[in-house]
Amino acid sequence: MQYLAVYIVPAVVILLSIPMILGKVPPNRFYGFRTPKTLSSPDTWYRANRASGWYMIAASVFSLCVNTVLFLVSPDWSIRWLPALSIVPLLLSLLASLIYLRRLQ
């Protein structure tokens, strides 16, 4: 069961990213790429959330690939480093989202 943890976090992030990409998440303060700038304009909200969703999917796919390889090489090492292996790519996707947002308008 602990080995499933290698896949759960990235899979959940992918599932949460899909509605953002599809423009199904209206501006709100709970779910989505929320900043003062994205909340100030619906157009900015949807454009930034679409980009952020794609960045999060890319980060999650990267995490899934790395986690799979490391799990095959050393299951114990992979489980021990799972938080970092999942969080670092997501932080990089956040940085990419902020850079994209900065370029909007």
C-alpha atoms as a PDB file:
ATOM      1  CA  MET A   1       0.000   0.000   0.000  1.00  0.00           C
ATOM      2  CA  GLN A   2       2.804   2.449   0.801  1.00  0.00           C
ATOM      3  CA  TYR A   3       4.050   2.049  -2.759  1.00  0.00           C
ATOM      4  CA  LEU A   4       0.852   3.593  -4.103  1.00  0.00           C
ATOM      5  CA  ALA A   5       1.864   6.865  -2.418  1.00  0.00           C
ATOM      6  CA  VAL A   6       4.451   7.283  -5.171  1.00  0.00           C
ATOM      7  CA  TYR A   7       1.565   7.793  -7.601  1.00  0.00           C
ATOM      8  CA  ILE A   8      -1.244   9.299  -5.528  1.00  0.00           C
ATOM      9  CA  VAL A   9       0.024  12.874  -5.124  1.00  0.00           C
ATOM     10  CA  PRO A  10       0.858  13.459  -8.809  1.00  0.00           C
ATOM     11  CA  ALA A  11      -2.387  11.763  -9.899  1.00  0.00           C
ATOM     12  CA  VAL A  12      -4.480  13.984  -7.616  1.00  0.00           C
ATOM     13  CA  VAL A  13      -2.705  17.095  -8.898  1.00  0.00           C
ATOM     14  CA  ILE A  14      -3.414  16.036 -12.492  1.00  0.00           C
ATOM     15  CA  LEU A  15      -7.092  15.505 -11.677  1.00  0.00           C
ATOM     16  CA  LEU A  16      -7.313  18.919 -10.005  1.00  0.00           C
ATOM     17  CA  SER A  17      -5.563  20.591 -12.958  1.00  0.00           C
ATOM     18  CA  ILE A  18      -7.966  19.378 -15.640  1.00  0.00           C
ATOM     19  CA  PRO A  19     -10.907  21.642 -14.672  1.00  0.00           C
ATOM     20  CA  MET A  20      -8.504  24.607 -14.560  1.00  0.00           C
ATOM     21  CA  ILE A  21      -7.304  23.891 -18.102  1.00  0.00           C
ATOM     22  CA  LEU A  22     -10.846  23.465 -19.373  1.00  0.00           C
ATOM     23  CA  GLY A  23     -11.944  26.787 -17.879  1.00  0.00           C
ATOM     24  CA  LYS A  24     -14.457  25.115 -15.562  1.00  0.00           C
ATOM     25  CA  VAL A  25     -13.207  26.839 -12.401  1.00  0.00           C
ATOM     26  CA  PRO A  26     -14.752  30.305 -12.041  1.00  0.00           C
ATOM     27  CA  PRO A  27     -12.869  33.017 -10.152  1.00  0.00           C
ATOM     28  CA  ASN A  28     -12.984  32.189  -6.462  1.00  0.00           C
ATOM     29  CA  ARG A  29     -10.800  32.321  -3.372  1.00  0.00           C
ATOM     30  CA  PHE A  30     -10.511  28.570  -2.767  1.00  0.00           C
ATOM     31  CA  TYR A  31      -9.508  26.669  -5.925  1.00  0.00           C
ATOM     32  CA  GLY A  32      -7.311  27.727  -8.791  1.00  0.00           C
ATOM     33  CA  PHE A  33      -4.319  29.984  -9.345  1.00  0.00           C
ATOM     34  CA  ARG A  34      -5.361  32.732  -6.949  1.00  0.00           C
ATOM     35  CA  THR A  35      -3.488  36.016  -6.839  1.00  0.00           C
ATOM     36  CA  PRO A  36      -4.738  39.588  -6.615  1.00  0.00           C
ATOM     37  CA  LYS A  37      -4.067  39.945 -10.344  1.00  0.00           C
ATOM     38  CA  THR A  38      -5.976  36.794 -11.374  1.00  0.00           C
ATOM     39  CA  LEU A  39      -8.892  37.697  -9.111  1.00  0.00           C
ATOM     40  CA  SER A  40      -9.077  41.190 -10.614  1.00  0.00           C
ATOM     41  CA  SER A  41     -10.189  40.057 -14.077  1.00  0.00           C
ATOM     42  CA  PRO A  42     -12.075  36.998 -15.355  1.00  0.00           C
ATOM     43  CA  ASP A  43     -10.002  37.012 -18.557  1.00  0.00           C
ATOM     44  CA  THR A  44      -6.752  36.998 -16.580  1.00  0.00           C
ATOM     45  CA  TRP A  45      -8.169  34.340 -14.243  1.00  0.00           C
ATOM     46  CA  TYR A  46      -8.979  31.890 -17.032  1.00  0.00           C
ATOM     47  CA  ARG A  47      -5.777  32.491 -18.997  1.00  0.00           C
ATOM     48  CA  ALA A  48      -3.549  32.151 -15.913  1.00  0.00           C
ATOM     49  CA  ASN A  49      -5.425  29.096 -14.632  1.00  0.00           C
ATOM     50  CA  ARG A  50      -5.179  27.377 -18.014  1.00  0.00           C
ATOM     51  CA  ALA A  51      -1.408  27.914 -18.083  1.00  0.00           C
ATOM     52  CA  SER A  52      -1.011  26.978 -14.427  1.00  0.00           C
ATOM     53  CA  GLY A  53      -3.010  23.781 -14.979  1.00  0.00           C
ATOM     54  CA  TRP A  54      -0.711  22.762 -17.842  1.00  0.00           C
ATOM     55  CA  TYR A  55       2.385  23.529 -15.767  1.00  0.00           C
ATOM     56  CA  MET A  56       1.028  21.444 -12.896  1.00  0.00           C
ATOM     57  CA  ILE A  57       0.290  18.533 -15.218  1.00  0.00           C
ATOM     58  CA  ALA A  58       3.813  18.738 -16.654  1.00  0.00           C
ATOM     59  CA  ALA A  59       5.261  18.772 -13.126  1.00  0.00           C
ATOM     60  CA  SER A  60       3.094  15.818 -12.097  1.00  0.00           C
ATOM     61  CA  VAL A  61       4.007  13.762 -15.154  1.00  0.00           C
ATOM     62  CA  PHE A  62       7.663  14.496 -14.449  1.00  0.00           C
ATOM     63  CA  SER A  63       7.144  13.396 -10.818  1.00  0.00           C
ATOM     64  CA  LEU A  64       5.407  10.205 -11.942  1.00  0.00           C
ATOM     65  CA  CYS A  65       8.280   9.342 -14.276  1.00  0.00           C
ATOM     66  CA  VAL A  66      10.997  10.077 -11.709  1.00  0.00           C
ATOM     67  CA  ASN A  67       9.080   8.300  -8.949  1.00  0.00           C
ATOM     68  CA  THR A  68       8.584   5.235 -11.149  1.00  0.00           C
ATOM     69  CA  VAL A  69      12.263   5.009 -12.058  1.00  0.00           C
ATOM     70  CA  LEU A  70      13.399   5.532  -8.470  1.00  0.00           C
ATOM     71  CA  PHE A  71      10.816   3.100  -7.171  1.00  0.00           C
ATOM     72  CA  LEU A  72      12.096   0.423  -9.557  1.00  0.00           C
ATOM     73  CA  VAL A  73      15.703   1.108  -8.550  1.00  0.00           C
ATOM     74  CA  SER A  74      15.125   1.435  -4.813  1.00  0.00           C
ATOM     75  CA  PRO A  75      11.603   1.339  -3.340  1.00  0.00           C
ATOM     76  CA  ASP A  76      12.731   2.481   0.101  1.00  0.00           C
ATOM     77  CA  TRP A  77      14.612   5.494  -1.254  1.00  0.00           C
ATOM     78  CA  SER A  78      11.641   6.532  -3.379  1.00  0.00           C
ATOM     79  CA  ILE A  79       9.183   6.412  -0.474  1.00  0.00           C
ATOM     80  CA  ARG A  80      11.546   8.334   1.795  1.00  0.00           C
ATOM     81  CA  TRP A  81      11.991  11.148  -0.734  1.00  0.00           C
ATOM     82  CA  LEU A  82       8.407  11.216  -2.044  1.00  0.00           C
ATOM     83  CA  PRO A  83       7.498  14.597  -0.536  1.00  0.00           C
ATOM     84  CA  ALA A  84      10.476  16.320  -2.152  1.00  0.00           C
ATOM     85  CA  LEU A  85      10.006  14.469  -5.426  1.00  0.00           C
ATOM     86  CA  SER A  86       6.417  15.687  -5.607  1.00  0.00           C
ATOM     87  CA  ILE A  87       6.713  19.146  -4.094  1.00  0.00           C
ATOM     88  CA  VAL A  88       9.803  20.470  -5.909  1.00  0.00           C
ATOM     89  CA  PRO A  89       8.301  20.069  -9.415  1.00  0.00           C
ATOM     90  CA  LEU A  90       5.055  21.640  -8.185  1.00  0.00           C
ATOM     91  CA  LEU A  91       6.990  24.608  -6.789  1.00  0.00           C
ATOM     92  CA  LEU A  92       8.690  24.962 -10.166  1.00  0.00           C
ATOM     93  CA  SER A  93       5.268  24.917 -11.845  1.00  0.00           C
ATOM     94  CA  LEU A  94       4.164  27.671  -9.459  1.00  0.00           C
ATOM     95  CA  LEU A  95       7.215  29.717 -10.432  1.00  0.00           C
ATOM     96  CA  ALA A  96       6.428  29.178 -14.129  1.00  0.00           C
ATOM     97  CA  SER A  97       2.825  30.249 -13.456  1.00  0.00           C
ATOM     98  CA  LEU A  98       3.986  33.429 -11.735  1.00  0.00           C
ATOM     99  CA  ILE A  99       6.294  34.239 -14.637  1.00  0.00           C
ATOM    100  CA  TYR A 100       3.443  33.664 -17.084  1.00  0.00           C
ATOM    101  CA  LEU A 101       1.136  35.861 -15.002  1.00  0.00           C
ATOM    102  CA  ARG A 102       3.718  38.620 -14.976  1.00  0.00           C
ATOM    103  CA  ARG A 103       3.747  38.595 -18.781  1.00  0.00           C
ATOM    104  CA  LEU A 104      -0.036  38.910 -19.041  1.00  0.00           C
ATOM    105  CA  GLN A 105      -1.230  42.420 -19.900  1.00  0.00           C
END
